């Protein structure tokens, strides 16, 4: 389990790469509120989001940061962001 300091550090790093509120909204919308993940890729909607709204070259780093805190897919990443919403800048 991550400490609040580790969570905050991860969120700060992620927020430098993408708009986390918009990311969470995008993932929620594209996964039917977490009920239907991408058909072929655990991070497929994340890749699409970064292509459209972020810097595509940062996609792998965003995924790496989420996986570093133990998140296996974008649905869990969106839930994790909601859980720690007070730390999102």
PDB file of N, CA and C in Angstrom:
ATOM      1  N   UNK A   1       0.843  -1.185   0.000  1.00  0.00           N
ATOM      2  CA  UNK A   1       0.000   0.000   0.000  1.00  0.00           C
ATOM      3  C   UNK A   1       0.887   1.247   0.000  1.00  0.00           C
ATOM      4  N   UNK A   2       0.486   2.209  -0.777  1.00  0.00           N
ATOM      5  CA  UNK A   2       1.255   3.444  -0.897  1.00  0.00           C
ATOM      6  C   UNK A   2       0.911   4.413   0.225  1.00  0.00           C
ATOM      7  N   UNK A   3       1.915   5.152   0.652  1.00  0.00           N
ATOM      8  CA  UNK A   3       1.676   6.185   1.647  1.00  0.00           C
ATOM      9  C   UNK A   3       1.096   7.411   0.943  1.00  0.00           C
ATOM     10  N   UNK A   4       0.547   8.336   1.721  1.00  0.00           N
ATOM     11  CA  UNK A   4      -0.005   9.557   1.137  1.00  0.00           C
ATOM     12  C   UNK A   4       1.073  10.338   0.391  1.00  0.00           C
ATOM     13  N   UNK A   5       2.287  10.322   0.920  1.00  0.00           N
ATOM     14  CA  UNK A   5       3.393  11.016   0.261  1.00  0.00           C
ATOM     15  C   UNK A   5       3.682  10.408  -1.112  1.00  0.00           C
ATOM     16  N   UNK A   6       3.682   9.071  -1.196  1.00  0.00           N
ATOM     17  CA  UNK A   6       3.921   8.388  -2.471  1.00  0.00           C
ATOM     18  C   UNK A   6       2.781   8.645  -3.452  1.00  0.00           C
ATOM     19  N   UNK A   7       1.555   8.616  -2.952  1.00  0.00           N
ATOM     20  CA  UNK A   7       0.393   8.891  -3.798  1.00  0.00           C
ATOM     21  C   UNK A   7       0.480  10.310  -4.339  1.00  0.00           C
ATOM     22  N   UNK A   8       0.765  11.254  -3.457  1.00  0.00           N
ATOM     23  CA  UNK A   8       0.875  12.657  -3.870  1.00  0.00           C
ATOM     24  C   UNK A   8       1.975  12.830  -4.919  1.00  0.00           C
ATOM     25  N   UNK A   9       3.099  12.179  -4.730  1.00  0.00           N
ATOM     26  CA  UNK A   9       4.197  12.273  -5.689  1.00  0.00           C
ATOM     27  C   UNK A   9       3.778  11.724  -7.052  1.00  0.00           C
ATOM     28  N   UNK A  10       3.095  10.598  -7.052  1.00  0.00           N
ATOM     29  CA  UNK A  10       2.627  10.009  -8.301  1.00  0.00           C
ATOM     30  C   UNK A  10       1.623  10.934  -8.985  1.00  0.00           C
ATOM     31  N   UNK A  11       0.714  11.491  -8.220  1.00  0.00           N
ATOM     32  CA  UNK A  11      -0.289  12.384  -8.792  1.00  0.00           C
ATOM     33  C   UNK A  11       0.354  13.635  -9.366  1.00  0.00           C
ATOM     34  N   UNK A  12       1.343  14.173  -8.680  1.00  0.00           N
ATOM     35  CA  UNK A  12       2.048  15.353  -9.204  1.00  0.00           C
ATOM     36  C   UNK A  12       2.724  15.014 -10.535  1.00  0.00           C
ATOM     37  N   UNK A  13       3.389  13.871 -10.581  1.00  0.00           N
ATOM     38  CA  UNK A  13       4.047  13.452 -11.830  1.00  0.00           C
ATOM     39  C   UNK A  13       3.028  13.259 -12.951  1.00  0.00           C
ATOM     40  N   UNK A  14       1.923  12.603 -12.638  1.00  0.00           N
ATOM     41  CA  UNK A  14       0.883  12.387 -13.649  1.00  0.00           C
ATOM     42  C   UNK A  14       0.285  13.700 -14.129  1.00  0.00           C
ATOM     43  N   UNK A  15       0.075  14.624 -13.197  1.00  0.00           N
ATOM     44  CA  UNK A  15      -0.550  15.897 -13.567  1.00  0.00           C
ATOM     45  C   UNK A  15       0.345  16.745 -14.458  1.00  0.00           C
ATOM     46  N   UNK A  16       1.629  16.465 -14.448  1.00  0.00           N
ATOM     47  CA  UNK A  16       2.540  17.162 -15.350  1.00  0.00           C
ATOM     48  C   UNK A  16       2.451  16.599 -16.771  1.00  0.00           C
ATOM     49  N   UNK A  17       1.882  15.411 -16.893  1.00  0.00           N
ATOM     50  CA  UNK A  17       1.782  14.740 -18.189  1.00  0.00           C
ATOM     51  C   UNK A  17       0.402  14.857 -18.829  1.00  0.00           C
ATOM     52  N   UNK A  18      -0.634  15.016 -17.999  1.00  0.00           N
ATOM     53  CA  UNK A  18      -1.988  15.129 -18.548  1.00  0.00           C
ATOM     54  C   UNK A  18      -2.924  15.769 -17.529  1.00  0.00           C
ATOM     55  N   UNK A  19      -4.070  16.188 -18.014  1.00  0.00           N
ATOM     56  CA  UNK A  19      -5.121  16.754 -17.164  1.00  0.00           C
ATOM     57  C   UNK A  19      -5.846  15.573 -16.516  1.00  0.00           C
ATOM     58  N   UNK A  20      -5.623  15.355 -15.231  1.00  0.00           N
ATOM     59  CA  UNK A  20      -6.144  14.158 -14.572  1.00  0.00           C
ATOM     60  C   UNK A  20      -7.658  14.163 -14.430  1.00  0.00           C
ATOM     61  N   UNK A  21      -8.254  15.317 -14.271  1.00  0.00           N
ATOM     62  CA  UNK A  21      -9.719  15.388 -14.178  1.00  0.00           C
ATOM     63  C   UNK A  21     -10.319  14.992 -15.527  1.00  0.00           C
ATOM     64  N   UNK A  22      -9.796  15.563 -16.597  1.00  0.00           N
ATOM     65  CA  UNK A  22     -10.283  15.223 -17.937  1.00  0.00           C
ATOM     66  C   UNK A  22     -10.011  13.749 -18.245  1.00  0.00           C
ATOM     67  N   UNK A  23      -8.849  13.253 -17.838  1.00  0.00           N
ATOM     68  CA  UNK A  23      -8.518  11.838 -18.059  1.00  0.00           C
ATOM     69  C   UNK A  23      -9.550  10.943 -17.366  1.00  0.00           C
ATOM     70  N   UNK A  24      -9.812  11.222 -16.094  1.00  0.00           N
ATOM     71  CA  UNK A  24     -10.784  10.417 -15.349  1.00  0.00           C
ATOM     72  C   UNK A  24     -12.155  10.439 -15.999  1.00  0.00           C
ATOM     73  N   UNK A  25     -12.587  11.616 -16.444  1.00  0.00           N
ATOM     74  CA  UNK A  25     -13.869  11.735 -17.140  1.00  0.00           C
ATOM     75  C   UNK A  25     -13.875  10.930 -18.430  1.00  0.00           C
ATOM     76  N   UNK A  26     -12.803  11.030 -19.184  1.00  0.00           N
ATOM     77  CA  UNK A  26     -12.689  10.318 -20.460  1.00  0.00           C
ATOM     78  C   UNK A  26     -12.769   8.805 -20.242  1.00  0.00           C
ATOM     79  N   UNK A  27     -12.023   8.306 -19.289  1.00  0.00           N
ATOM     80  CA  UNK A  27     -12.012   6.868 -19.023  1.00  0.00           C
ATOM     81  C   UNK A  27     -13.386   6.414 -18.531  1.00  0.00           C
ATOM     82  N   UNK A  28     -13.990   7.184 -17.647  1.00  0.00           N
ATOM     83  CA  UNK A  28     -15.318   6.841 -17.137  1.00  0.00           C
ATOM     84  C   UNK A  28     -16.330   6.760 -18.277  1.00  0.00           C
ATOM     85  N   UNK A  29     -16.306   7.762 -19.142  1.00  0.00           N
ATOM     86  CA  UNK A  29     -17.246   7.794 -20.261  1.00  0.00           C
ATOM     87  C   UNK A  29     -17.004   6.644 -21.242  1.00  0.00           C
ATOM     88  N   UNK A  30     -15.758   6.396 -21.574  1.00  0.00           N
ATOM     89  CA  UNK A  30     -15.446   5.391 -22.591  1.00  0.00           C
ATOM     90  C   UNK A  30     -15.486   3.948 -22.076  1.00  0.00           C
ATOM     91  N   UNK A  31     -15.615   3.766 -20.790  1.00  0.00           N
ATOM     92  CA  UNK A  31     -15.718   2.411 -20.240  1.00  0.00           C
ATOM     93  C   UNK A  31     -17.109   2.157 -19.663  1.00  0.00           C
ATOM     94  N   UNK A  32     -18.072   2.989 -20.072  1.00  0.00           N
ATOM     95  CA  UNK A  32     -19.447   2.858 -19.573  1.00  0.00           C
ATOM     96  C   UNK A  32     -19.458   2.827 -18.039  1.00  0.00           C
ATOM     97  N   UNK A  33     -18.828   3.845 -17.464  1.00  0.00           N
ATOM     98  CA  UNK A  33     -18.733   3.998 -16.009  1.00  0.00           C
ATOM     99  C   UNK A  33     -18.036   2.825 -15.334  1.00  0.00           C
ATOM    100  N   UNK A  34     -16.995   2.331 -15.997  1.00  0.00           N
ATOM    101  CA  UNK A  34     -16.186   1.263 -15.422  1.00  0.00           C
ATOM    102  C   UNK A  34     -16.740  -0.122 -15.625  1.00  0.00           C
ATOM    103  N   UNK A  35     -17.773  -0.257 -16.430  1.00  0.00           N
ATOM    104  CA  UNK A  35     -18.395  -1.563 -16.638  1.00  0.00           C
ATOM    105  C   UNK A  35     -17.839  -2.313 -17.838  1.00  0.00           C
ATOM    106  N   UNK A  36     -17.228  -1.585 -18.763  1.00  0.00           N
ATOM    107  CA  UNK A  36     -16.754  -2.232 -19.994  1.00  0.00           C
ATOM    108  C   UNK A  36     -15.403  -1.633 -20.365  1.00  0.00           C
ATOM    109  N   UNK A  37     -14.352  -2.378 -20.136  1.00  0.00           N
ATOM    110  CA  UNK A  37     -13.020  -1.872 -20.462  1.00  0.00           C
ATOM    111  C   UNK A  37     -12.746  -2.047 -21.950  1.00  0.00           C
ATOM    112  N   UNK A  38     -11.633  -1.541 -22.378  1.00  0.00           N
ATOM    113  CA  UNK A  38     -11.222  -1.665 -23.778  1.00  0.00           C
ATOM    114  C   UNK A  38     -11.165  -3.147 -24.140  1.00  0.00           C
ATOM    115  N   UNK A  39     -11.590  -3.496 -25.330  1.00  0.00           N
ATOM    116  CA  UNK A  39     -11.693  -4.909 -25.724  1.00  0.00           C
ATOM    117  C   UNK A  39     -10.361  -5.633 -25.823  1.00  0.00           C
ATOM    118  N   UNK A  40      -9.313  -4.935 -26.241  1.00  0.00           N
ATOM    119  CA  UNK A  40      -8.061  -5.655 -26.525  1.00  0.00           C
ATOM    120  C   UNK A  40      -6.847  -5.167 -25.742  1.00  0.00           C
ATOM    121  N   UNK A  41      -6.996  -4.059 -25.031  1.00  0.00           N
ATOM    122  CA  UNK A  41      -5.826  -3.450 -24.393  1.00  0.00           C
ATOM    123  C   UNK A  41      -6.256  -2.827 -23.067  1.00  0.00           C
ATOM    124  N   UNK A  42      -5.640  -3.250 -21.980  1.00  0.00           N
ATOM    125  CA  UNK A  42      -5.982  -2.703 -20.657  1.00  0.00           C
ATOM    126  C   UNK A  42      -5.814  -1.191 -20.574  1.00  0.00           C
ATOM    127  N   UNK A  43      -5.041  -0.628 -21.483  1.00  0.00           N
ATOM    128  CA  UNK A  43      -4.776   0.811 -21.482  1.00  0.00           C
ATOM    129  C   UNK A  43      -5.171   1.460 -22.818  1.00  0.00           C
ATOM    130  N   UNK A  44      -6.065   0.821 -23.557  1.00  0.00           N
ATOM    131  CA  UNK A  44      -6.445   1.305 -24.882  1.00  0.00           C
ATOM    132  C   UNK A  44      -7.084   2.687 -24.890  1.00  0.00           C
ATOM    133  N   UNK A  45      -7.972   2.950 -23.946  1.00  0.00           N
ATOM    134  CA  UNK A  45      -8.613   4.269 -23.881  1.00  0.00           C
ATOM    135  C   UNK A  45      -7.618   5.326 -23.397  1.00  0.00           C
ATOM    136  N   UNK A  46      -6.696   4.919 -22.561  1.00  0.00           N
ATOM    137  CA  UNK A  46      -5.637   5.842 -22.125  1.00  0.00           C
ATOM    138  C   UNK A  46      -4.800   6.257 -23.326  1.00  0.00           C
ATOM    139  N   UNK A  47      -4.460   5.294 -24.147  1.00  0.00           N
ATOM    140  CA  UNK A  47      -3.690   5.604 -25.359  1.00  0.00           C
ATOM    141  C   UNK A  47      -4.466   6.576 -26.258  1.00  0.00           C
ATOM    142  N   UNK A  48      -5.769   6.336 -26.419  1.00  0.00           N
ATOM    143  CA  UNK A  48      -6.606   7.220 -27.238  1.00  0.00           C
ATOM    144  C   UNK A  48      -6.686   8.615 -26.635  1.00  0.00           C
ATOM    145  N   UNK A  49      -6.848   8.673 -25.314  1.00  0.00           N
ATOM    146  CA  UNK A  49      -6.915   9.978 -24.641  1.00  0.00           C
ATOM    147  C   UNK A  49      -5.621  10.766 -24.876  1.00  0.00           C
ATOM    148  N   UNK A  50      -4.498  10.109 -24.688  1.00  0.00           N
ATOM    149  CA  UNK A  50      -3.216  10.800 -24.850  1.00  0.00           C
ATOM    150  C   UNK A  50      -2.993  11.229 -26.302  1.00  0.00           C
ATOM    151  N   UNK A  51      -3.479  10.458 -27.254  1.00  0.00           N
ATOM    152  CA  UNK A  51      -3.357  10.835 -28.663  1.00  0.00           C
ATOM    153  C   UNK A  51      -4.162  12.101 -28.955  1.00  0.00           C
ATOM    154  N   UNK A  52      -5.334  12.204 -28.326  1.00  0.00           N
ATOM    155  CA  UNK A  52      -6.233  13.321 -28.610  1.00  0.00           C
ATOM    156  C   UNK A  52      -6.005  14.543 -27.732  1.00  0.00           C
ATOM    157  N   UNK A  53      -5.676  14.329 -26.470  1.00  0.00           N
ATOM    158  CA  UNK A  53      -5.657  15.444 -25.516  1.00  0.00           C
ATOM    159  C   UNK A  53      -4.339  15.662 -24.793  1.00  0.00           C
ATOM    160  N   UNK A  54      -3.415  14.754 -24.915  1.00  0.00           N
ATOM    161  CA  UNK A  54      -2.129  14.896 -24.239  1.00  0.00           C
ATOM    162  C   UNK A  54      -1.007  14.848 -25.255  1.00  0.00           C
ATOM    163  N   UNK A  55       0.171  14.685 -24.766  1.00  0.00           N
ATOM    164  CA  UNK A  55       1.328  14.506 -25.638  1.00  0.00           C
ATOM    165  C   UNK A  55       1.496  13.002 -25.845  1.00  0.00           C
ATOM    166  N   UNK A  56       1.287  12.516 -27.060  1.00  0.00           N
ATOM    167  CA  UNK A  56       1.377  11.072 -27.299  1.00  0.00           C
ATOM    168  C   UNK A  56       2.689  10.445 -26.841  1.00  0.00           C
ATOM    169  N   UNK A  57       3.762  11.227 -26.822  1.00  0.00           N
ATOM    170  CA  UNK A  57       5.044  10.667 -26.393  1.00  0.00           C
ATOM    171  C   UNK A  57       5.072  10.379 -24.894  1.00  0.00           C
ATOM    172  N   UNK A  58       4.116  10.935 -24.135  1.00  0.00           N
ATOM    173  CA  UNK A  58       4.048  10.702 -22.688  1.00  0.00           C
ATOM    174  C   UNK A  58       3.168   9.513 -22.311  1.00  0.00           C
ATOM    175  N   UNK A  59       2.546   8.874 -23.278  1.00  0.00           N
ATOM    176  CA  UNK A  59       1.600   7.791 -23.002  1.00  0.00           C
ATOM    177  C   UNK A  59       2.219   6.677 -22.177  1.00  0.00           C
ATOM    178  N   UNK A  60       3.366   6.197 -22.565  1.00  0.00           N
ATOM    179  CA  UNK A  60       4.016   5.084 -21.859  1.00  0.00           C
ATOM    180  C   UNK A  60       4.354   5.486 -20.423  1.00  0.00           C
ATOM    181  N   UNK A  61       4.770   6.723 -20.223  1.00  0.00           N
ATOM    182  CA  UNK A  61       5.094   7.184 -18.865  1.00  0.00           C
ATOM    183  C   UNK A  61       3.842   7.252 -17.997  1.00  0.00           C
ATOM    184  N   UNK A  62       2.726   7.710 -18.540  1.00  0.00           N
ATOM    185  CA  UNK A  62       1.469   7.748 -17.783  1.00  0.00           C
ATOM    186  C   UNK A  62       1.097   6.328 -17.356  1.00  0.00           C
ATOM    187  N   UNK A  63       1.140   5.401 -18.280  1.00  0.00           N
ATOM    188  CA  UNK A  63       0.812   4.006 -17.965  1.00  0.00           C
ATOM    189  C   UNK A  63       1.795   3.446 -16.935  1.00  0.00           C
ATOM    190  N   UNK A  64       3.063   3.729 -17.102  1.00  0.00           N
ATOM    191  CA  UNK A  64       4.081   3.237 -16.159  1.00  0.00           C
ATOM    192  C   UNK A  64       3.817   3.754 -14.750  1.00  0.00           C
ATOM    193  N   UNK A  65       3.461   5.019 -14.628  1.00  0.00           N
ATOM    194  CA  UNK A  65       3.200   5.589 -13.311  1.00  0.00           C
ATOM    195  C   UNK A  65       1.991   4.929 -12.644  1.00  0.00           C
ATOM    196  N   UNK A  66       0.935   4.704 -13.408  1.00  0.00           N
ATOM    197  CA  UNK A  66      -0.223   4.005 -12.838  1.00  0.00           C
ATOM    198  C   UNK A  66       0.147   2.575 -12.442  1.00  0.00           C
ATOM    199  N   UNK A  67       0.875   1.888 -13.283  1.00  0.00           N
ATOM    200  CA  UNK A  67       1.261   0.511 -12.957  1.00  0.00           C
ATOM    201  C   UNK A  67       2.215   0.456 -11.764  1.00  0.00           C
ATOM    202  N   UNK A  68       3.024   1.487 -11.582  1.00  0.00           N
ATOM    203  CA  UNK A  68       3.967   1.526 -10.460  1.00  0.00           C
ATOM    204  C   UNK A  68       3.258   1.562  -9.110  1.00  0.00           C
ATOM    205  N   UNK A  69       2.020   2.061  -9.080  1.00  0.00           N
ATOM    206  CA  UNK A  69       1.258   2.048  -7.824  1.00  0.00           C
ATOM    207  C   UNK A  69       0.308   0.857  -7.767  1.00  0.00           C
ATOM    208  N   UNK A  70       0.523  -0.113  -8.685  1.00  0.00           N
ATOM    209  CA  UNK A  70      -0.206  -1.366  -8.627  1.00  0.00           C
ATOM    210  C   UNK A  70      -1.512  -1.410  -9.389  1.00  0.00           C
ATOM    211  N   UNK A  71      -1.719  -0.483 -10.308  1.00  0.00           N
ATOM    212  CA  UNK A  71      -2.973  -0.455 -11.055  1.00  0.00           C
ATOM    213  C   UNK A  71      -2.817  -1.216 -12.369  1.00  0.00           C
ATOM    214  N   UNK A  72      -3.639  -2.248 -12.597  1.00  0.00           N
ATOM    215  CA  UNK A  72      -3.466  -3.105 -13.764  1.00  0.00           C
ATOM    216  C   UNK A  72      -4.132  -2.600 -15.043  1.00  0.00           C
ATOM    217  N   UNK A  73      -5.012  -1.604 -14.912  1.00  0.00           N
ATOM    218  CA  UNK A  73      -5.733  -1.120 -16.089  1.00  0.00           C
ATOM    219  C   UNK A  73      -6.297   0.280 -15.842  1.00  0.00           C
ATOM    220  N   UNK A  74      -6.842   0.871 -16.887  1.00  0.00           N
ATOM    221  CA  UNK A  74      -7.324   2.253 -16.821  1.00  0.00           C
ATOM    222  C   UNK A  74      -8.594   2.406 -15.987  1.00  0.00           C
ATOM    223  N   UNK A  75      -9.410   1.366 -15.899  1.00  0.00           N
ATOM    224  CA  UNK A  75     -10.603   1.451 -15.047  1.00  0.00           C
ATOM    225  C   UNK A  75     -10.167   1.606 -13.591  1.00  0.00           C
ATOM    226  N   UNK A  76      -9.217   0.789 -13.177  1.00  0.00           N
ATOM    227  CA  UNK A  76      -8.694   0.901 -11.813  1.00  0.00           C
ATOM    228  C   UNK A  76      -7.969   2.239 -11.613  1.00  0.00           C
ATOM    229  N   UNK A  77      -7.305   2.730 -12.649  1.00  0.00           N
ATOM    230  CA  UNK A  77      -6.624   4.027 -12.558  1.00  0.00           C
ATOM    231  C   UNK A  77      -7.635   5.141 -12.326  1.00  0.00           C
ATOM    232  N   UNK A  78      -8.747   5.127 -13.044  1.00  0.00           N
ATOM    233  CA  UNK A  78      -9.779   6.157 -12.858  1.00  0.00           C
ATOM    234  C   UNK A  78     -10.373   6.075 -11.452  1.00  0.00           C
ATOM    235  N   UNK A  79     -10.596   4.860 -10.960  1.00  0.00           N
ATOM    236  CA  UNK A  79     -11.109   4.693  -9.585  1.00  0.00           C
ATOM    237  C   UNK A  79     -10.097   5.199  -8.559  1.00  0.00           C
ATOM    238  N   UNK A  80      -8.837   4.922  -8.804  1.00  0.00           N
ATOM    239  CA  UNK A  80      -7.761   5.367  -7.901  1.00  0.00           C
ATOM    240  C   UNK A  80      -7.724   6.892  -7.854  1.00  0.00           C
ATOM    241  N   UNK A  81      -7.869   7.531  -9.007  1.00  0.00           N
ATOM    242  CA  UNK A  81      -7.894   8.997  -9.036  1.00  0.00           C
ATOM    243  C   UNK A  81      -9.085   9.533  -8.258  1.00  0.00           C
ATOM    244  N   UNK A  82     -10.241   8.892  -8.393  1.00  0.00           N
ATOM    245  CA  UNK A  82     -11.415   9.322  -7.629  1.00  0.00           C
ATOM    246  C   UNK A  82     -11.191   9.157  -6.127  1.00  0.00           C
ATOM    247  N   UNK A  83     -10.564   8.063  -5.763  1.00  0.00           N
ATOM    248  CA  UNK A  83     -10.286   7.801  -4.346  1.00  0.00           C
ATOM    249  C   UNK A  83      -9.376   8.876  -3.757  1.00  0.00           C
ATOM    250  N   UNK A  84      -8.453   9.368  -4.572  1.00  0.00           N
ATOM    251  CA  UNK A  84      -7.475  10.348  -4.101  1.00  0.00           C
ATOM    252  C   UNK A  84      -7.740  11.732  -4.689  1.00  0.00           C
ATOM    253  N   UNK A  85      -9.001  12.037  -4.959  1.00  0.00           N
ATOM    254  CA  UNK A  85      -9.334  13.285  -5.644  1.00  0.00           C
ATOM    255  C   UNK A  85      -8.898  14.539  -4.901  1.00  0.00           C
ATOM    256  N   UNK A  86      -8.773  14.488  -3.620  1.00  0.00           N
ATOM    257  CA  UNK A  86      -8.340  15.672  -2.866  1.00  0.00           C
ATOM    258  C   UNK A  86      -6.873  16.001  -3.118  1.00  0.00           C
ATOM    259  N   UNK A  87      -6.122  15.049  -3.645  1.00  0.00           N
ATOM    260  CA  UNK A  87      -4.714  15.273  -3.919  1.00  0.00           C
ATOM    261  C   UNK A  87      -4.458  15.709  -5.360  1.00  0.00           C
ATOM    262  N   UNK A  88      -5.494  15.594  -6.218  1.00  0.00           N
ATOM    263  CA  UNK A  88      -5.341  15.980  -7.623  1.00  0.00           C
ATOM    264  C   UNK A  88      -5.321  17.503  -7.707  1.00  0.00           C
ATOM    265  N   UNK A  89      -4.250  18.056  -8.308  1.00  0.00           N
ATOM    266  CA  UNK A  89      -4.151  19.520  -8.391  1.00  0.00           C
ATOM    267  C   UNK A  89      -5.180  20.133  -9.326  1.00  0.00           C
TER     268      UNK A  89
END
